[in-house]
Amino acid sequence: MTRRYLVTGAAGMLGSELLLRAPPGSSVVGSDLRAAPAGSPSVSAIGVDLADPAAVERLFREHGPFDGVIHGAAYTAVDQAESEEALAMRVNATACAVLARACRAARAPLVAVSTDFVFDGEAGTPGGQRPYREDDPPRPTSAYGRTKLAGELLALAEHPLGVRIARTQWLYGPRGKHFPGTIVRLAREKGALRVVHDQLGSPTSTLELAPALWDLVRADAPSGIYHAACEGVCSWHDLAKASIELAGLAHVPCEPCATSEFPRPARRPAYSALDSSKLAALRGRRLKGWRDALRDFFSAGA
């Protein structure tokens, strides 16, 4: 029997990879506000306002029934969210609640993608540096983080037995804008780089994350929170150096600098690496180490 799934944010960096890596024999409907990128399966539900209960009910009625939903759509403009928190809350929180309610009615599991920005970064204080676990208390320090945490809480409240929150971080992939691609472009254009070294996390490739999310939505997994990031910890400077080396630009100088030298509207967690052991136990394997995943990304023609 063919299983049918819904992927939201299907035209985005993660959503497009989810479409391309759908399980063999499954049927997938993608929803987004724009067309999917070249090479992606067709998106059959365009322009759905996921924060509108009537629109979501119609989506489920006309394109379902769904055996599971992966919710990758999000407001991700971290700095802009500081001045557009109401809009970010509608996209990141209200839509989660609406989808969770629809999934509960359909008796379908929902995997909702979240972020390390739900944490304040204090787990990285000297002497206490360790990746965040799922049971660590969230303390967002930005509008973006607050809206994503609100989405987590609303989804779990609406569908307490069928929601799996998948927190990830520092995402990049073959389609869309991301740090490795930007840093390689700047290395070619400028011939020298300065990148912050005092923010630490776990760079995560969509090539690794997408299969993990498919495993999570298809598994007989308990409702709750799961961390989903590539293994290992590095700084943005480490990631920049590795990226330009893999792009054949090792000769380009890349100097470390402090976050304070590049002030931004939204505060970034200083240390927000995620411990993904719980997801690894469920899947029987971990996501690759960040260096190996980055090498695969560049080998694939990034």
C-alpha atoms as a PDB file:
ATOM      1  CA  MET A   1       0.000   0.000   0.000  1.00  0.00           C
ATOM      2  CA  THR A   2       1.430   3.378  -1.040  1.00  0.00           C
ATOM      3  CA  ARG A   3       1.915   5.815   1.826  1.00  0.00           C
ATOM      4  CA  ARG A   4       1.168   9.469   1.208  1.00  0.00           C
ATOM      5  CA  TYR A   5       2.999  12.351   2.890  1.00  0.00           C
ATOM      6  CA  LEU A   6       2.881  16.129   2.998  1.00  0.00           C
ATOM      7  CA  VAL A   7       6.068  18.238   3.003  1.00  0.00           C
ATOM      8  CA  THR A   8       5.678  21.946   3.737  1.00  0.00           C
ATOM      9  CA  GLY A   9       8.222  24.504   2.620  1.00  0.00           C
ATOM     10  CA  ALA A  10       8.767  22.284  -0.401  1.00  0.00           C
ATOM     11  CA  ALA A  11      10.519  24.937  -2.494  1.00  0.00           C
ATOM     12  CA  GLY A  12      13.050  25.736   0.225  1.00  0.00           C
ATOM     13  CA  MET A  13      16.534  24.403   0.863  1.00  0.00           C
ATOM     14  CA  LEU A  14      15.359  21.609   3.161  1.00  0.00           C
ATOM     15  CA  GLY A  15      11.945  21.001   1.629  1.00  0.00           C
ATOM     16  CA  SER A  16      13.324  20.481  -1.868  1.00  0.00           C
ATOM     17  CA  GLU A  17      15.787  17.896  -0.519  1.00  0.00           C
ATOM     18  CA  LEU A  18      12.957  16.144   1.295  1.00  0.00           C
ATOM     19  CA  LEU A  19      11.039  15.865  -1.973  1.00  0.00           C
ATOM     20  CA  LEU A  20      14.047  14.456  -3.797  1.00  0.00           C
ATOM     21  CA  ARG A  21      14.757  11.924  -1.049  1.00  0.00           C
ATOM     22  CA  ALA A  22      11.235  10.663  -0.514  1.00  0.00           C
ATOM     23  CA  PRO A  23      11.093   6.947   0.349  1.00  0.00           C
ATOM     24  CA  PRO A  24      10.728   4.658  -2.697  1.00  0.00           C
ATOM     25  CA  GLY A  25       7.141   3.854  -3.476  1.00  0.00           C
ATOM     26  CA  SER A  26       5.728   6.721  -1.431  1.00  0.00           C
ATOM     27  CA  SER A  27       3.531   9.538  -2.711  1.00  0.00           C
ATOM     28  CA  VAL A  28       4.502  13.052  -1.623  1.00  0.00           C
ATOM     29  CA  VAL A  29       2.599  16.326  -1.830  1.00  0.00           C
ATOM     30  CA  GLY A  30       4.615  19.493  -1.373  1.00  0.00           C
ATOM     31  CA  SER A  31       3.244  22.860  -0.332  1.00  0.00           C
ATOM     32  CA  ASP A  32       4.901  26.263  -0.535  1.00  0.00           C
ATOM     33  CA  LEU A  33       4.286  29.836  -1.623  1.00  0.00           C
ATOM     34  CA  ARG A  34       6.446  29.506  -4.725  1.00  0.00           C
ATOM     35  CA  ALA A  35       7.392  26.885  -7.314  1.00  0.00           C
ATOM     36  CA  ALA A  36       9.820  24.129  -6.447  1.00  0.00           C
ATOM     37  CA  PRO A  37      13.406  24.353  -7.798  1.00  0.00           C
ATOM     38  CA  ALA A  38      14.468  22.574 -10.974  1.00  0.00           C
ATOM     39  CA  GLY A  39      14.965  18.874 -10.449  1.00  0.00           C
ATOM     40  CA  SER A  40      12.383  18.583  -7.671  1.00  0.00           C
ATOM     41  CA  PRO A  41       9.216  16.514  -7.954  1.00  0.00           C
ATOM     42  CA  SER A  42       6.184  18.609  -8.835  1.00  0.00           C
ATOM     43  CA  VAL A  43       4.488  20.552  -6.058  1.00  0.00           C
ATOM     44  CA  SER A  44       0.768  19.935  -6.202  1.00  0.00           C
ATOM     45  CA  ALA A  45      -0.457  22.382  -3.543  1.00  0.00           C
ATOM     46  CA  ILE A  46       0.882  25.882  -4.157  1.00  0.00           C
ATOM     47  CA  GLY A  47       0.125  28.956  -2.107  1.00  0.00           C
ATOM     48  CA  VAL A  48      -1.283  27.344   1.038  1.00  0.00           C
ATOM     49  CA  ASP A  49      -1.476  29.664   4.055  1.00  0.00           C
ATOM     50  CA  LEU A  50      -0.579  27.175   6.767  1.00  0.00           C
ATOM     51  CA  ALA A  51      -1.747  29.539   9.516  1.00  0.00           C
ATOM     52  CA  ASP A  52      -5.281  29.496   8.057  1.00  0.00           C
ATOM     53  CA  PRO A  53      -7.270  26.544   9.465  1.00  0.00           C
ATOM     54  CA  ALA A  54      -9.706  26.553   6.534  1.00  0.00           C
ATOM     55  CA  ALA A  55      -6.873  26.467   3.976  1.00  0.00           C
ATOM     56  CA  VAL A  56      -5.156  23.603   5.791  1.00  0.00           C
ATOM     57  CA  GLU A  57      -8.417  21.682   6.147  1.00  0.00           C
ATOM     58  CA  ARG A  58      -8.917  22.057   2.377  1.00  0.00           C
ATOM     59  CA  LEU A  59      -5.336  20.909   1.716  1.00  0.00           C
ATOM     60  CA  PHE A  60      -5.880  17.758   3.769  1.00  0.00           C
ATOM     61  CA  ARG A  61      -9.279  17.104   2.188  1.00  0.00           C
ATOM     62  CA  GLU A  62      -8.234  17.634  -1.435  1.00  0.00           C
ATOM     63  CA  HIS A  63      -4.721  16.175  -1.371  1.00  0.00           C
ATOM     64  CA  GLY A  64      -4.823  13.672   1.486  1.00  0.00           C
ATOM     65  CA  PRO A  65      -5.265  11.503   3.325  1.00  0.00           C
ATOM     66  CA  PHE A  66      -1.710  11.808   4.653  1.00  0.00           C
ATOM     67  CA  ASP A  67       0.173   9.130   6.554  1.00  0.00           C
ATOM     68  CA  GLY A  68       2.532  11.785   7.931  1.00  0.00           C
ATOM     69  CA  VAL A  69       3.597  15.408   7.588  1.00  0.00           C
ATOM     70  CA  ILE A  70       7.069  16.976   7.660  1.00  0.00           C
ATOM     71  CA  HIS A  71       6.710  20.672   8.409  1.00  0.00           C
ATOM     72  CA  GLY A  72       9.762  22.477   7.063  1.00  0.00           C
ATOM     73  CA  ALA A  73       8.146  25.822   6.203  1.00  0.00           C
ATOM     74  CA  ALA A  74       9.323  28.658   8.439  1.00  0.00           C
ATOM     75  CA  TYR A  75      10.094  32.340   8.789  1.00  0.00           C
ATOM     76  CA  THR A  76      13.909  32.189   8.928  1.00  0.00           C
ATOM     77  CA  ALA A  77      14.990  35.835   8.552  1.00  0.00           C
ATOM     78  CA  VAL A  78      16.609  35.885  11.986  1.00  0.00           C
ATOM     79  CA  ASP A  79      17.483  39.580  12.116  1.00  0.00           C
ATOM     80  CA  GLN A  80      14.334  40.784  10.379  1.00  0.00           C
ATOM     81  CA  ALA A  81      12.229  38.894  12.908  1.00  0.00           C
ATOM     82  CA  GLU A  82      13.315  41.427  15.531  1.00  0.00           C
ATOM     83  CA  SER A  83      11.093  43.993  13.815  1.00  0.00           C
ATOM     84  CA  GLU A  84       8.519  41.520  12.432  1.00  0.00           C
ATOM     85  CA  GLU A  85       7.917  39.289  15.423  1.00  0.00           C
ATOM     86  CA  ALA A  86       4.141  39.184  14.902  1.00  0.00           C
ATOM     87  CA  LEU A  87       4.587  37.910  11.351  1.00  0.00           C
ATOM     88  CA  ALA A  88       7.277  35.448  12.437  1.00  0.00           C
ATOM     89  CA  MET A  89       4.946  34.234  15.209  1.00  0.00           C
ATOM     90  CA  ARG A  90       2.165  33.610  12.696  1.00  0.00           C
ATOM     91  CA  VAL A  91       4.422  31.638  10.361  1.00  0.00           C
ATOM     92  CA  ASN A  92       6.492  29.793  12.981  1.00  0.00           C
ATOM     93  CA  ALA A  93       3.944  29.234  15.743  1.00  0.00           C
ATOM     94  CA  THR A  94       0.355  29.597  14.543  1.00  0.00           C
ATOM     95  CA  ALA A  95       1.002  27.404  11.493  1.00  0.00           C
ATOM     96  CA  CYS A  96       2.477  24.699  13.746  1.00  0.00           C
ATOM     97  CA  ALA A  97      -0.670  24.681  15.846  1.00  0.00           C
ATOM     98  CA  VAL A  98      -2.957  24.537  12.805  1.00  0.00           C
ATOM     99  CA  LEU A  99      -1.005  21.690  11.204  1.00  0.00           C
ATOM    100  CA  ALA A 100      -0.808  19.742  14.453  1.00  0.00           C
ATOM    101  CA  ARG A 101      -4.568  20.039  14.884  1.00  0.00           C
ATOM    102  CA  ALA A 102      -5.138  18.792  11.334  1.00  0.00           C
ATOM    103  CA  CYS A 103      -2.719  15.904  11.863  1.00  0.00           C
ATOM    104  CA  ARG A 104      -4.442  14.914  15.091  1.00  0.00           C
ATOM    105  CA  ALA A 105      -7.788  14.807  13.279  1.00  0.00           C
ATOM    106  CA  ALA A 106      -6.197  12.713  10.519  1.00  0.00           C
ATOM    107  CA  ARG A 107      -4.376  10.477  13.022  1.00  0.00           C
ATOM    108  CA  ALA A 108      -1.116  11.282  11.262  1.00  0.00           C
ATOM    109  CA  PRO A 109       2.279  12.035  12.840  1.00  0.00           C
ATOM    110  CA  LEU A 110       3.764  15.494  12.419  1.00  0.00           C
ATOM    111  CA  VAL A 111       7.506  16.183  12.324  1.00  0.00           C
ATOM    112  CA  ALA A 112       8.024  19.909  12.933  1.00  0.00           C
ATOM    113  CA  VAL A 113      11.489  21.279  12.201  1.00  0.00           C
ATOM    114  CA  SER A 114      12.838  23.634  14.858  1.00  0.00           C
ATOM    115  CA  THR A 115      16.139  25.285  15.754  1.00  0.00           C
ATOM    116  CA  ASP A 116      19.023  25.679  18.185  1.00  0.00           C
ATOM    117  CA  PHE A 117      17.889  29.311  18.629  1.00  0.00           C
ATOM    118  CA  VAL A 118      15.496  28.092  21.328  1.00  0.00           C
ATOM    119  CA  PHE A 119      18.601  28.019  23.582  1.00  0.00           C
ATOM    120  CA  ASP A 120      20.533  30.965  25.006  1.00  0.00           C
ATOM    121  CA  GLY A 121      24.001  29.527  24.331  1.00  0.00           C
ATOM    122  CA  GLU A 122      25.032  29.439  27.990  1.00  0.00           C
ATOM    123  CA  ALA A 123      25.756  25.710  27.876  1.00  0.00           C
ATOM    124  CA  GLY A 124      29.046  26.833  26.385  1.00  0.00           C
ATOM    125  CA  THR A 125      30.281  28.721  29.423  1.00  0.00           C
ATOM    126  CA  PRO A 126      33.887  27.873  30.427  1.00  0.00           C
ATOM    127  CA  GLY A 127      34.068  24.574  32.251  1.00  0.00           C
ATOM    128  CA  GLY A 128      30.560  23.546  31.287  1.00  0.00           C
ATOM    129  CA  GLN A 129      30.732  23.210  27.532  1.00  0.00           C
ATOM    130  CA  ARG A 130      28.580  20.375  26.223  1.00  0.00           C
ATOM    131  CA  PRO A 131      26.020  19.940  23.457  1.00  0.00           C
ATOM    132  CA  TYR A 132      22.424  20.689  24.374  1.00  0.00           C
ATOM    133  CA  ARG A 133      20.156  17.760  25.156  1.00  0.00           C
ATOM    134  CA  GLU A 134      16.433  17.633  24.498  1.00  0.00           C
ATOM    135  CA  ASP A 135      15.613  18.060  28.200  1.00  0.00           C
ATOM    136  CA  ASP A 136      17.708  21.194  28.661  1.00  0.00           C
ATOM    137  CA  PRO A 137      15.462  24.194  29.405  1.00  0.00           C
ATOM    138  CA  PRO A 138      14.965  26.443  26.368  1.00  0.00           C
ATOM    139  CA  ARG A 139      15.751  30.129  26.865  1.00  0.00           C
ATOM    140  CA  PRO A 140      15.527  31.952  23.521  1.00  0.00           C
ATOM    141  CA  THR A 141      17.156  35.373  23.342  1.00  0.00           C
ATOM    142  CA  SER A 142      15.823  36.466  19.924  1.00  0.00           C
ATOM    143  CA  ALA A 143      12.432  36.966  18.327  1.00  0.00           C
ATOM    144  CA  TYR A 144      13.165  34.123  15.921  1.00  0.00           C
ATOM    145  CA  GLY A 145      13.963  31.782  18.811  1.00  0.00           C
ATOM    146  CA  ARG A 146      10.849  32.805  20.720  1.00  0.00           C
ATOM    147  CA  THR A 147       8.594  32.150  17.730  1.00  0.00           C
ATOM    148  CA  LYS A 148      10.132  28.739  17.037  1.00  0.00           C
ATOM    149  CA  LEU A 149       9.790  27.712  20.683  1.00  0.00           C
ATOM    150  CA  ALA A 150       6.176  28.851  20.635  1.00  0.00           C
ATOM    151  CA  GLY A 151       5.634  26.626  17.597  1.00  0.00           C
ATOM    152  CA  GLU A 152       7.108  23.641  19.416  1.00  0.00           C
ATOM    153  CA  LEU A 153       4.871  24.149  22.456  1.00  0.00           C
ATOM    154  CA  LEU A 154       1.701  24.732  20.445  1.00  0.00           C
ATOM    155  CA  ALA A 155       2.260  21.691  18.232  1.00  0.00           C
ATOM    156  CA  LEU A 156       2.863  19.417  21.223  1.00  0.00           C
ATOM    157  CA  ALA A 157      -0.219  20.791  22.970  1.00  0.00           C
ATOM    158  CA  GLU A 158      -2.454  20.280  19.919  1.00  0.00           C
ATOM    159  CA  HIS A 159      -1.268  16.740  19.084  1.00  0.00           C
ATOM    160  CA  PRO A 160       0.407  15.414  22.242  1.00  0.00           C
ATOM    161  CA  LEU A 161       0.720  11.819  21.035  1.00  0.00           C
ATOM    162  CA  GLY A 162       1.787  12.483  17.466  1.00  0.00           C
ATOM    163  CA  VAL A 163       4.265  15.365  17.260  1.00  0.00           C
ATOM    164  CA  ARG A 164       8.008  14.944  16.887  1.00  0.00           C
ATOM    165  CA  ILE A 165       9.970  18.183  17.120  1.00  0.00           C
ATOM    166  CA  ALA A 166      13.250  17.980  15.176  1.00  0.00           C
ATOM    167  CA  ARG A 167      15.675  20.720  16.210  1.00  0.00           C
ATOM    168  CA  THR A 168      18.524  21.314  13.807  1.00  0.00           C
ATOM    169  CA  GLN A 169      21.076  24.066  13.144  1.00  0.00           C
ATOM    170  CA  TRP A 170      23.515  25.781  10.756  1.00  0.00           C
ATOM    171  CA  LEU A 171      21.741  24.256   7.767  1.00  0.00           C
ATOM    172  CA  TYR A 172      23.123  24.159   4.218  1.00  0.00           C
ATOM    173  CA  GLY A 173      22.336  22.148   1.112  1.00  0.00           C
ATOM    174  CA  PRO A 174      22.439  21.933  -2.704  1.00  0.00           C
ATOM    175  CA  ARG A 175      19.644  24.482  -3.210  1.00  0.00           C
ATOM    176  CA  GLY A 176      19.062  27.867  -1.597  1.00  0.00           C
ATOM    177  CA  LYS A 177      21.290  30.370   0.198  1.00  0.00           C
ATOM    178  CA  HIS A 178      23.592  29.108   2.933  1.00  0.00           C
ATOM    179  CA  PHE A 179      26.883  29.867   4.678  1.00  0.00           C
ATOM    180  CA  PRO A 180      29.303  27.570   2.773  1.00  0.00           C
ATOM    181  CA  GLY A 181      28.039  28.847  -0.579  1.00  0.00           C
ATOM    182  CA  THR A 182      28.167  32.475   0.514  1.00  0.00           C
ATOM    183  CA  ILE A 183      31.655  32.160   1.976  1.00  0.00           C
ATOM    184  CA  VAL A 184      33.026  30.541  -1.194  1.00  0.00           C
ATOM    185  CA  ARG A 185      31.501  33.304  -3.309  1.00  0.00           C
ATOM    186  CA  LEU A 186      32.996  35.990  -1.052  1.00  0.00           C
ATOM    187  CA  ALA A 187      36.397  34.273  -1.112  1.00  0.00           C
ATOM    188  CA  ARG A 188      36.401  34.478  -4.910  1.00  0.00           C
ATOM    189  CA  GLU A 189      35.139  38.060  -4.980  1.00  0.00           C
ATOM    190  CA  LYS A 190      37.139  39.619  -2.145  1.00  0.00           C
ATOM    191  CA  GLY A 191      40.292  37.511  -1.985  1.00  0.00           C
ATOM    192  CA  ALA A 192      40.367  37.686   1.838  1.00  0.00           C
ATOM    193  CA  LEU A 193      37.898  36.915   4.622  1.00  0.00           C
ATOM    194  CA  ARG A 194      37.262  37.654   8.294  1.00  0.00           C
ATOM    195  CA  VAL A 195      34.835  35.265  10.018  1.00  0.00           C
ATOM    196  CA  VAL A 196      33.619  35.053  13.622  1.00  0.00           C
ATOM    197  CA  HIS A 197      35.274  32.397  15.758  1.00  0.00           C
ATOM    198  CA  ASP A 198      33.307  32.781  19.008  1.00  0.00           C
ATOM    199  CA  GLN A 199      30.029  31.174  17.920  1.00  0.00           C
ATOM    200  CA  LEU A 200      30.095  27.372  18.074  1.00  0.00           C
ATOM    201  CA  GLY A 201      27.640  24.848  16.704  1.00  0.00           C
ATOM    202  CA  SER A 202      27.149  21.812  14.474  1.00  0.00           C
ATOM    203  CA  PRO A 203      26.887  22.544  10.725  1.00  0.00           C
ATOM    204  CA  THR A 204      24.215  20.280   9.243  1.00  0.00           C
ATOM    205  CA  SER A 205      23.777  19.267   5.615  1.00  0.00           C
ATOM    206  CA  THR A 206      20.321  18.722   4.166  1.00  0.00           C
ATOM    207  CA  LEU A 207      21.828  15.649   2.488  1.00  0.00           C
ATOM    208  CA  GLU A 208      22.092  14.184   6.003  1.00  0.00           C
ATOM    209  CA  LEU A 209      19.058  15.797   7.614  1.00  0.00           C
ATOM    210  CA  ALA A 210      16.447  14.929   4.974  1.00  0.00           C
ATOM    211  CA  PRO A 211      16.831  11.125   5.325  1.00  0.00           C
ATOM    212  CA  ALA A 212      16.777  11.496   9.113  1.00  0.00           C
ATOM    213  CA  LEU A 213      13.483  13.389   8.984  1.00  0.00           C
ATOM    214  CA  TRP A 214      11.976  10.727   6.729  1.00  0.00           C
ATOM    215  CA  ASP A 215      13.055   8.093   9.246  1.00  0.00           C
ATOM    216  CA  LEU A 216      11.493  10.136  12.052  1.00  0.00           C
ATOM    217  CA  VAL A 217       8.103  10.576  10.376  1.00  0.00           C
ATOM    218  CA  ARG A 218       7.911   6.922   9.334  1.00  0.00           C
ATOM    219  CA  ALA A 219       9.105   5.383  12.611  1.00  0.00           C
ATOM    220  CA  ASP A 220       6.876   4.249  15.447  1.00  0.00           C
ATOM    221  CA  ALA A 221       8.492   6.941  17.567  1.00  0.00           C
ATOM    222  CA  PRO A 222       7.270   8.564  20.781  1.00  0.00           C
ATOM    223  CA  SER A 223       6.012  12.103  20.591  1.00  0.00           C
ATOM    224  CA  GLY A 224       8.499  14.659  21.885  1.00  0.00           C
ATOM    225  CA  ILE A 225      11.688  16.506  21.005  1.00  0.00           C
ATOM    226  CA  TYR A 226      14.603  15.150  18.975  1.00  0.00           C
ATOM    227  CA  HIS A 227      17.855  16.891  18.110  1.00  0.00           C
ATOM    228  CA  ALA A 228      18.989  16.353  14.528  1.00  0.00           C
ATOM    229  CA  ALA A 229      22.411  17.753  13.689  1.00  0.00           C
ATOM    230  CA  CYS A 230      25.621  16.487  12.166  1.00  0.00           C
ATOM    231  CA  GLU A 231      28.172  15.259  14.675  1.00  0.00           C
ATOM    232  CA  GLY A 232      30.944  17.433  16.043  1.00  0.00           C
ATOM    233  CA  VAL A 233      31.353  21.094  16.969  1.00  0.00           C
ATOM    234  CA  CYS A 234      33.078  23.950  15.181  1.00  0.00           C
ATOM    235  CA  SER A 235      33.029  27.736  14.837  1.00  0.00           C
ATOM    236  CA  TRP A 236      31.840  29.716  11.837  1.00  0.00           C
ATOM    237  CA  HIS A 237      35.520  30.399  11.177  1.00  0.00           C
ATOM    238  CA  ASP A 238      36.266  26.655  11.172  1.00  0.00           C
ATOM    239  CA  LEU A 239      33.400  26.089   8.759  1.00  0.00           C
ATOM    240  CA  ALA A 240      34.571  28.903   6.498  1.00  0.00           C
ATOM    241  CA  LYS A 241      38.131  27.537   6.373  1.00  0.00           C
ATOM    242  CA  ALA A 242      36.928  24.031   5.585  1.00  0.00           C
ATOM    243  CA  SER A 243      34.562  25.330   2.880  1.00  0.00           C
ATOM    244  CA  ILE A 244      37.130  27.370   0.987  1.00  0.00           C
ATOM    245  CA  GLU A 245      39.639  24.523   1.197  1.00  0.00           C
ATOM    246  CA  LEU A 246      37.134  22.082  -0.300  1.00  0.00           C
ATOM    247  CA  ALA A 247      36.338  24.627  -3.006  1.00  0.00           C
ATOM    248  CA  GLY A 248      40.016  24.777  -3.997  1.00  0.00           C
ATOM    249  CA  LEU A 249      40.531  28.222  -2.447  1.00  0.00           C
ATOM    250  CA  ALA A 250      42.863  27.321   0.427  1.00  0.00           C
ATOM    251  CA  HIS A 251      45.164  30.165  -0.646  1.00  0.00           C
ATOM    252  CA  VAL A 252      42.557  32.789   0.302  1.00  0.00           C
ATOM    253  CA  PRO A 253      43.340  34.289   3.741  1.00  0.00           C
ATOM    254  CA  CYS A 254      40.587  33.703   6.314  1.00  0.00           C
ATOM    255  CA  GLU A 255      41.156  35.469   9.621  1.00  0.00           C
ATOM    256  CA  PRO A 256      39.171  34.917  12.831  1.00  0.00           C
ATOM    257  CA  CYS A 257      37.312  37.795  14.467  1.00  0.00           C
ATOM    258  CA  ALA A 258      34.852  38.370  17.323  1.00  0.00           C
ATOM    259  CA  THR A 259      31.072  38.524  17.057  1.00  0.00           C
ATOM    260  CA  SER A 260      31.236  42.002  18.606  1.00  0.00           C
ATOM    261  CA  GLU A 261      32.969  43.244  15.459  1.00  0.00           C
ATOM    262  CA  PHE A 262      29.859  42.444  13.393  1.00  0.00           C
ATOM    263  CA  PRO A 263      26.845  43.537  15.502  1.00  0.00           C
ATOM    264  CA  ARG A 264      23.483  42.213  14.308  1.00  0.00           C
ATOM    265  CA  PRO A 265      19.910  42.973  15.451  1.00  0.00           C
ATOM    266  CA  ALA A 266      19.342  39.423  16.764  1.00  0.00           C
ATOM    267  CA  ARG A 267      21.577  37.887  19.398  1.00  0.00           C
ATOM    268  CA  ARG A 268      23.166  34.583  18.350  1.00  0.00           C
ATOM    269  CA  PRO A 269      23.817  31.764  20.847  1.00  0.00           C
ATOM    270  CA  ALA A 270      27.552  31.616  21.563  1.00  0.00           C
ATOM    271  CA  TYR A 271      27.441  27.822  21.921  1.00  0.00           C
ATOM    272  CA  SER A 272      24.468  25.865  20.626  1.00  0.00           C
ATOM    273  CA  ALA A 273      25.737  22.463  19.497  1.00  0.00           C
ATOM    274  CA  LEU A 274      23.039  19.803  19.724  1.00  0.00           C
ATOM    275  CA  ASP A 275      23.370  16.321  21.214  1.00  0.00           C
ATOM    276  CA  SER A 276      21.587  14.059  18.715  1.00  0.00           C
ATOM    277  CA  SER A 277      22.032  10.772  20.598  1.00  0.00           C
ATOM    278  CA  LYS A 278      18.282  10.247  21.040  1.00  0.00           C
ATOM    279  CA  LEU A 279      17.644  10.378  17.293  1.00  0.00           C
ATOM    280  CA  ALA A 280      20.691   8.186  16.638  1.00  0.00           C
ATOM    281  CA  ALA A 281      19.290   5.529  18.981  1.00  0.00           C
ATOM    282  CA  LEU A 282      15.958   5.618  17.147  1.00  0.00           C
ATOM    283  CA  ARG A 283      17.550   5.340  13.677  1.00  0.00           C
ATOM    284  CA  GLY A 284      20.402   3.003  14.609  1.00  0.00           C
ATOM    285  CA  ARG A 285      22.970   5.465  13.232  1.00  0.00           C
ATOM    286  CA  ARG A 286      24.146   9.037  13.635  1.00  0.00           C
ATOM    287  CA  LEU A 287      24.253  11.822  11.105  1.00  0.00           C
ATOM    288  CA  LYS A 288      27.771  12.122   9.685  1.00  0.00           C
ATOM    289  CA  GLY A 289      30.433  14.271  11.271  1.00  0.00           C
ATOM    290  CA  TRP A 290      30.248  17.840  10.025  1.00  0.00           C
ATOM    291  CA  ARG A 291      33.539  17.634   8.092  1.00  0.00           C
ATOM    292  CA  ASP A 292      32.545  14.440   6.279  1.00  0.00           C
ATOM    293  CA  ALA A 293      29.098  15.851   5.494  1.00  0.00           C
ATOM    294  CA  LEU A 294      30.656  19.057   4.159  1.00  0.00           C
ATOM    295  CA  ARG A 295      33.038  17.047   1.979  1.00  0.00           C
ATOM    296  CA  ASP A 296      30.089  15.071   0.568  1.00  0.00           C
ATOM    297  CA  PHE A 297      28.285  18.320  -0.164  1.00  0.00           C
ATOM    298  CA  PHE A 298      31.185  19.731  -2.155  1.00  0.00           C
ATOM    299  CA  SER A 299      31.832  16.392  -3.868  1.00  0.00           C
ATOM    300  CA  ALA A 300      28.222  16.445  -5.076  1.00  0.00           C
ATOM    301  CA  GLY A 301      28.990  19.583  -7.050  1.00  0.00           C
ATOM    302  CA  ALA A 302      28.161  22.380  -4.594  1.00  0.00           C
END
